[in-house]
Amino acid sequence: MRKEVGYFLTTKGRIKQSLSGYYDVLVEDKEYRTRARGNFRKKKMTPVVGDWVDFKIDDNGDGYILKIYPRKNQLVRPPIANIDTAIVVSACVEPDFSPNLLDRQLVMLESNNVRPVLFFSKADLLNQEQREKFESYFNYYSKYYSCYISFENENRQNVLNNLMSNLTNEIVVVMGQTGAGKSTLLNDLKPDLSLETGKISKALSRGKHTTRKVTLLDINGVMIADTPGFSSFELLNITKDTLPLMYPDFVKYQDNCKFRGCLHLKEPKCAVKDAVNKGEILENRYINYVQFQDMLANKKVRYK
């Protein structure tokens, strides 16, 4: 980076970390601490991790973001932009597995053109009866998404190696319900991170928030964001007409519906409902879909 009078020349970089109004911008292998210019507030724009930006550094070492480049996508929770893939961490137990929450996250990711990769944690805590029930979920989701699980701890490293080999040269966000094991997963991928992990309240089956900022971490050449845990996922910018398109298993059958634009609700000769009745589509998936359609109709798009 060359220098001009009073400033470094404007340079392009990616925001790696955001904390308390400061933004660490990564240019090749070097980071610069910056703040956003006041005109961003007037434009109601806020830089987020993952943004490509132009910035300058003055003689005092103070950096200022001058421009935010257009984003290909953006998540509100967690606040991050330009994501390629999301690792959705879902606990099998502690807290109990929630197909409804998982489907909510998948719909939200599909609507933002983010590829979901599913990682199911704490499978080693399942008893035999629970395991047999959970395997039916895993086998179904595996038909439509990249899925990873380790029922025995000794196989965990092989599963993690396979997961990482599927993420080459991507910007990845790790997300999921609080207490699902996001920080544990990242610690396993790169032990020297030493990220704090939280314990689960037995009474509430909820975990304590342990991650306080959003940061892109370089893990074996893959930029992965560790993010705060949320149990709220909003279905923003989705309509009753676009919701069916967020389900790859529905899309597989919808061309055989009698009516174009079938919502798979009360329409006759619906191929999706027929597939549900035949067990070809998971019944829980369809029940969740109907609930989401109802929530969209009533403008209740937040899950808690």
Protein backbone atom coordinates (compact mmCIF):
# COMPACT_ATOMS: atom_id res chain seq x y z
CA MET A 1 0.00 0.00 0.00
CA ARG A 2 1.59 3.30 -1.12
CA LYS A 3 1.24 6.57 0.77
CA GLU A 4 0.02 10.01 -0.31
CA VAL A 5 0.21 13.26 1.69
CA GLY A 6 -1.62 12.71 4.97
CA TYR A 7 -3.14 9.38 3.89
CA PHE A 8 -2.47 5.97 2.49
CA LEU A 9 -4.03 5.67 -0.94
CA THR A 10 -7.53 4.25 -1.02
CA THR A 11 -7.32 0.48 -0.80
CA LYS A 12 -9.86 -2.31 -1.09
CA GLY A 13 -10.18 -4.99 1.57
CA ARG A 14 -12.67 -7.25 3.33
CA ILE A 15 -13.99 -6.58 6.84
CA LYS A 16 -12.75 -9.42 9.03
CA GLN A 17 -14.07 -8.30 12.41
CA SER A 18 -16.63 -5.85 13.79
CA LEU A 19 -16.69 -4.76 17.43
CA SER A 20 -18.03 -1.61 19.14
CA GLY A 21 -17.95 0.55 16.02
CA TYR A 22 -14.49 -0.52 14.88
CA TYR A 23 -13.87 -2.61 11.76
CA ASP A 24 -10.73 -4.65 11.13
CA VAL A 25 -10.15 -4.79 7.39
CA LEU A 26 -8.06 -7.57 5.85
CA VAL A 27 -5.83 -6.84 2.85
CA GLU A 28 -3.93 -9.95 1.80
CA ASP A 29 -2.28 -11.01 5.10
CA LYS A 30 -2.41 -7.64 6.92
CA GLU A 31 -5.21 -6.12 9.03
CA TYR A 32 -6.11 -2.43 9.46
CA ARG A 33 -8.29 -0.97 12.23
CA THR A 34 -10.90 1.40 10.79
CA ARG A 35 -14.12 3.26 11.55
CA ALA A 36 -17.00 4.16 9.25
CA ARG A 37 -17.44 7.70 7.96
CA GLY A 38 -20.43 9.62 9.32
CA ASN A 39 -22.10 9.80 5.91
CA PHE A 40 -22.90 6.08 6.18
CA ARG A 41 -25.29 6.90 9.04
CA LYS A 42 -27.03 9.50 6.87
CA LYS A 43 -27.46 6.85 4.17
CA LYS A 44 -28.64 4.37 6.83
CA MET A 45 -25.82 2.02 5.89
CA THR A 46 -23.75 -0.01 8.35
CA PRO A 47 -20.63 -1.95 7.40
CA VAL A 48 -20.72 -5.62 8.44
CA VAL A 49 -18.25 -8.48 8.54
CA GLY A 50 -17.71 -9.91 5.06
CA ASP A 51 -18.17 -6.56 3.29
CA TRP A 52 -15.73 -5.50 0.61
CA VAL A 53 -14.81 -1.86 1.32
CA ASP A 54 -12.54 0.97 0.23
CA PHE A 55 -10.66 2.65 3.10
CA LYS A 56 -7.84 5.09 3.93
CA ILE A 57 -5.36 5.33 6.82
CA ASP A 58 -4.09 8.77 7.97
CA ASP A 59 -0.71 9.67 9.47
CA ASN A 60 -2.01 8.99 12.98
CA GLY A 61 -2.89 5.44 12.07
CA ASP A 62 -6.65 6.12 12.07
CA GLY A 63 -8.52 4.29 9.35
CA TYR A 64 -11.77 5.34 7.67
CA ILE A 65 -14.08 3.28 5.49
CA LEU A 66 -15.07 5.29 2.42
CA LYS A 67 -17.17 2.86 0.36
CA ILE A 68 -19.11 -0.37 0.82
CA TYR A 69 -19.32 -2.50 -2.31
CA PRO A 70 -22.65 -4.10 -3.31
CA ARG A 71 -23.40 -7.31 -1.39
CA LYS A 72 -24.44 -10.58 -2.98
CA ASN A 73 -26.31 -11.43 0.23
CA GLN A 74 -26.60 -10.45 3.87
CA LEU A 75 -27.81 -12.09 7.06
CA VAL A 76 -29.38 -9.96 9.78
CA ARG A 77 -28.75 -12.45 12.58
CA PRO A 78 -25.81 -12.90 12.53
CA PRO A 79 -24.84 -9.62 10.81
CA ILE A 80 -22.56 -10.77 8.00
CA ALA A 81 -22.45 -10.31 4.22
CA ASN A 82 -21.23 -12.08 1.08
CA ILE A 83 -21.53 -15.58 2.50
CA ASP A 84 -21.01 -18.67 0.36
CA THR A 85 -21.95 -21.38 2.83
CA ALA A 86 -23.54 -21.67 6.28
CA ILE A 87 -22.72 -24.55 8.61
CA VAL A 88 -25.97 -25.02 10.52
CA VAL A 89 -25.16 -26.67 13.84
CA SER A 90 -28.13 -28.53 15.33
CA ALA A 91 -27.89 -30.40 18.60
CA CYS A 92 -29.46 -33.86 18.70
CA VAL A 93 -30.07 -33.35 22.43
CA GLU A 94 -29.30 -30.71 25.09
CA PRO A 95 -31.10 -28.71 23.74
CA ASP A 96 -33.54 -31.12 22.13
CA PHE A 97 -33.48 -31.31 18.34
CA SER A 98 -36.00 -28.95 16.76
CA PRO A 99 -36.97 -29.80 13.14
CA ASN A 100 -39.06 -26.62 13.09
CA LEU A 101 -36.07 -24.42 13.93
CA LEU A 102 -33.85 -26.25 11.44
CA ASP A 103 -36.41 -25.79 8.65
CA ARG A 104 -36.70 -22.10 9.56
CA GLN A 105 -32.95 -21.68 9.20
CA LEU A 106 -32.87 -23.59 5.91
CA VAL A 107 -35.62 -21.44 4.41
CA MET A 108 -33.85 -18.28 5.52
CA LEU A 109 -30.56 -19.45 3.96
CA GLU A 110 -32.18 -20.54 0.70
CA SER A 111 -33.84 -17.12 0.39
CA ASN A 112 -30.42 -15.47 0.74
CA ASN A 113 -28.74 -17.81 -1.76
CA VAL A 114 -26.48 -19.31 0.91
CA ARG A 115 -25.60 -23.00 0.64
CA PRO A 116 -26.57 -24.87 3.83
CA VAL A 117 -24.29 -27.55 5.27
CA LEU A 118 -25.82 -29.39 8.21
CA PHE A 119 -23.74 -30.51 11.19
CA PHE A 120 -25.57 -32.49 13.88
CA SER A 121 -23.81 -32.28 17.25
CA LYS A 122 -24.00 -34.33 20.47
CA ALA A 123 -25.10 -37.49 18.65
CA ASP A 124 -22.92 -39.52 21.02
CA LEU A 125 -25.35 -38.57 23.83
CA LEU A 126 -28.31 -40.33 22.17
CA ASN A 127 -29.53 -43.62 23.57
CA GLN A 128 -30.38 -46.41 21.14
CA GLU A 129 -34.07 -45.50 20.85
CA GLN A 130 -33.30 -41.82 20.32
CA ARG A 131 -30.61 -42.69 17.79
CA GLU A 132 -32.95 -44.78 15.65
CA LYS A 133 -35.49 -41.95 15.58
CA PHE A 134 -32.86 -39.35 14.77
CA GLU A 135 -31.33 -41.42 11.98
CA SER A 136 -34.61 -41.12 10.06
CA TYR A 137 -34.24 -37.32 10.14
CA PHE A 138 -30.58 -37.47 9.15
CA ASN A 139 -31.22 -39.84 6.25
CA TYR A 140 -33.99 -37.62 4.91
CA TYR A 141 -32.10 -34.30 5.10
CA SER A 142 -29.06 -36.00 3.54
CA LYS A 143 -31.05 -36.42 0.31
CA TYR A 144 -31.16 -32.65 -0.19
CA TYR A 145 -28.30 -31.15 1.84
CA SER A 146 -24.70 -31.94 2.73
CA CYS A 147 -25.00 -33.49 6.21
CA TYR A 148 -22.40 -34.51 8.78
CA ILE A 149 -22.75 -36.40 12.05
CA SER A 150 -20.58 -38.49 14.36
CA PHE A 151 -22.32 -41.00 16.61
CA GLU A 152 -19.00 -42.09 18.17
CA ASN A 153 -16.29 -39.69 19.32
CA GLU A 154 -13.53 -41.73 17.68
CA ASN A 155 -15.05 -41.02 14.25
CA ARG A 156 -15.41 -37.29 14.85
CA GLN A 157 -12.09 -36.23 13.30
CA ASN A 158 -12.85 -38.07 10.06
CA VAL A 159 -16.22 -36.31 9.91
CA LEU A 160 -14.56 -32.92 10.49
CA ASN A 161 -11.95 -33.59 7.79
CA ASN A 162 -14.70 -34.44 5.30
CA LEU A 163 -16.59 -31.30 6.29
CA MET A 164 -13.59 -29.01 5.74
CA SER A 165 -12.76 -30.58 2.38
CA ASN A 166 -16.19 -29.39 1.20
CA LEU A 167 -15.48 -25.72 2.04
CA THR A 168 -12.42 -24.80 -0.04
CA ASN A 169 -11.98 -21.07 -0.78
CA GLU A 170 -15.31 -20.04 0.72
CA ILE A 171 -16.66 -17.51 3.21
CA VAL A 172 -18.51 -19.60 5.78
CA VAL A 173 -20.77 -18.70 8.68
CA VAL A 174 -21.38 -21.07 11.58
CA MET A 175 -24.86 -20.64 12.98
CA GLY A 176 -27.44 -22.38 15.11
CA GLN A 177 -29.37 -22.27 18.33
CA THR A 178 -27.58 -21.19 21.49
CA GLY A 179 -25.92 -24.18 23.12
CA ALA A 180 -25.92 -26.29 19.96
CA GLY A 181 -22.13 -26.52 19.94
CA LYS A 182 -20.88 -23.93 17.45
CA SER A 183 -17.82 -22.87 19.47
CA THR A 184 -17.06 -26.51 20.30
CA LEU A 185 -17.06 -27.31 16.58
CA LEU A 186 -14.69 -24.43 15.82
CA ASN A 187 -12.37 -25.43 18.66
CA ASP A 188 -12.25 -28.94 17.22
CA LEU A 189 -11.45 -27.58 13.76
CA LYS A 190 -8.67 -25.36 15.16
CA PRO A 191 -7.80 -26.14 18.81
CA ASP A 192 -5.59 -23.06 19.34
CA LEU A 193 -8.69 -20.84 19.03
CA SER A 194 -9.67 -21.73 22.61
CA LEU A 195 -13.14 -20.26 22.16
CA GLU A 196 -15.30 -20.16 25.28
CA THR A 197 -18.13 -22.68 25.31
CA GLY A 198 -21.30 -22.47 27.36
CA LYS A 199 -23.15 -24.90 29.59
CA ILE A 200 -26.79 -25.79 29.08
CA SER A 201 -29.40 -25.00 31.70
CA LYS A 202 -31.18 -28.27 32.52
CA ALA A 203 -34.32 -26.38 33.54
CA LEU A 204 -34.60 -24.17 30.47
CA SER A 205 -32.66 -26.32 27.96
CA ARG A 206 -31.00 -23.10 26.88
CA GLY A 207 -27.36 -22.18 26.68
CA LYS A 208 -25.65 -19.03 27.87
CA HIS A 209 -24.46 -16.75 25.08
CA THR A 210 -20.68 -17.12 24.92
CA THR A 211 -19.72 -15.39 21.63
CA ARG A 212 -19.75 -11.60 21.85
CA LYS A 213 -18.56 -10.48 18.40
CA VAL A 214 -18.55 -11.54 14.76
CA THR A 215 -15.13 -12.49 13.42
CA LEU A 216 -13.85 -14.21 10.30
CA LEU A 217 -11.39 -16.87 11.42
CA ASP A 218 -8.82 -18.38 9.07
CA ILE A 219 -9.17 -22.12 9.65
CA ASN A 220 -7.00 -24.15 7.32
CA GLY A 221 -7.45 -21.63 4.53
CA VAL A 222 -11.22 -21.31 4.96
CA MET A 223 -12.63 -18.03 6.32
CA ILE A 224 -15.20 -19.09 8.92
CA ALA A 225 -17.26 -16.70 11.05
CA ASP A 226 -17.89 -17.47 14.69
CA THR A 227 -21.11 -15.68 15.58
CA PRO A 228 -23.37 -15.08 18.57
CA GLY A 229 -25.94 -17.79 19.14
CA PHE A 230 -29.56 -16.89 18.39
CA SER A 231 -32.79 -18.75 18.91
CA SER A 232 -34.66 -16.25 16.70
CA PHE A 233 -34.61 -16.61 12.92
CA GLU A 234 -36.73 -14.30 10.80
CA LEU A 235 -38.38 -15.11 7.47
CA LEU A 236 -37.74 -11.73 5.91
CA ASN A 237 -38.30 -10.97 2.23
CA ILE A 238 -40.21 -14.24 1.75
CA THR A 239 -43.78 -14.37 0.48
CA LYS A 240 -46.39 -17.11 0.37
CA ASP A 241 -45.57 -17.55 -3.34
CA THR A 242 -41.80 -17.81 -2.92
CA LEU A 243 -41.83 -20.01 0.20
CA PRO A 244 -42.44 -23.28 -1.74
CA LEU A 245 -39.32 -22.56 -3.80
CA MET A 246 -37.21 -22.59 -0.62
CA TYR A 247 -37.85 -26.34 -0.21
CA PRO A 248 -35.73 -28.44 -2.60
CA ASP A 249 -37.79 -31.52 -1.73
CA PHE A 250 -41.00 -29.69 -2.72
CA VAL A 251 -39.44 -28.36 -5.92
CA LYS A 252 -38.68 -31.94 -6.90
CA TYR A 253 -42.41 -32.72 -7.12
CA GLN A 254 -44.13 -29.41 -7.85
CA ASP A 255 -44.08 -29.70 -11.67
CA ASN A 256 -46.58 -32.54 -11.29
CA CYS A 257 -49.10 -30.39 -9.42
CA LYS A 258 -52.30 -29.72 -11.37
CA PHE A 259 -52.09 -25.95 -10.95
CA ARG A 260 -49.11 -23.77 -11.82
CA GLY A 261 -48.07 -21.80 -8.75
CA CYS A 262 -49.59 -24.41 -6.43
CA LEU A 263 -48.99 -23.45 -2.79
CA HIS A 264 -49.45 -27.08 -1.65
CA LEU A 265 -52.16 -26.11 0.81
CA LYS A 266 -55.80 -26.59 -0.19
CA GLU A 267 -55.32 -27.07 -3.93
CA PRO A 268 -56.59 -30.37 -5.41
CA LYS A 269 -54.28 -32.85 -7.14
CA CYS A 270 -51.19 -31.46 -5.44
CA ALA A 271 -48.12 -33.63 -6.10
CA VAL A 272 -46.37 -32.36 -2.96
CA LYS A 273 -49.24 -33.35 -0.65
CA ASP A 274 -49.42 -36.69 -2.46
CA ALA A 275 -45.70 -37.22 -1.78
CA VAL A 276 -46.27 -36.42 1.90
CA ASN A 277 -49.08 -39.01 2.07
CA LYS A 278 -46.80 -41.59 0.45
CA GLY A 279 -43.98 -40.87 2.89
CA GLU A 280 -41.72 -39.50 0.15
CA ILE A 281 -41.65 -36.08 1.84
CA LEU A 282 -41.07 -35.96 5.58
CA GLU A 283 -44.38 -35.19 7.28
CA ASN A 284 -42.73 -32.85 9.78
CA ARG A 285 -41.31 -30.79 6.92
CA TYR A 286 -44.79 -30.29 5.50
CA ILE A 287 -46.29 -29.45 8.91
CA ASN A 288 -43.60 -26.81 9.41
CA TYR A 289 -44.24 -25.46 5.92
CA VAL A 290 -47.95 -25.01 6.62
CA GLN A 291 -47.09 -23.22 9.87
CA PHE A 292 -44.70 -20.88 8.06
CA GLN A 293 -47.34 -20.11 5.44
CA ASP A 294 -49.76 -19.24 8.22
CA MET A 295 -47.19 -17.02 9.90
CA LEU A 296 -46.48 -15.20 6.63
CA ALA A 297 -50.22 -14.67 6.10
CA ASN A 298 -50.47 -13.17 9.58
CA LYS A 299 -47.19 -11.22 9.33
CA LYS A 300 -45.64 -13.22 12.17
CA VAL A 301 -42.27 -14.04 10.67
CA ARG A 302 -40.10 -14.40 13.78
CA TYR A 303 -39.35 -17.68 15.54
CA LYS A 304 -38.35 -17.77 19.19
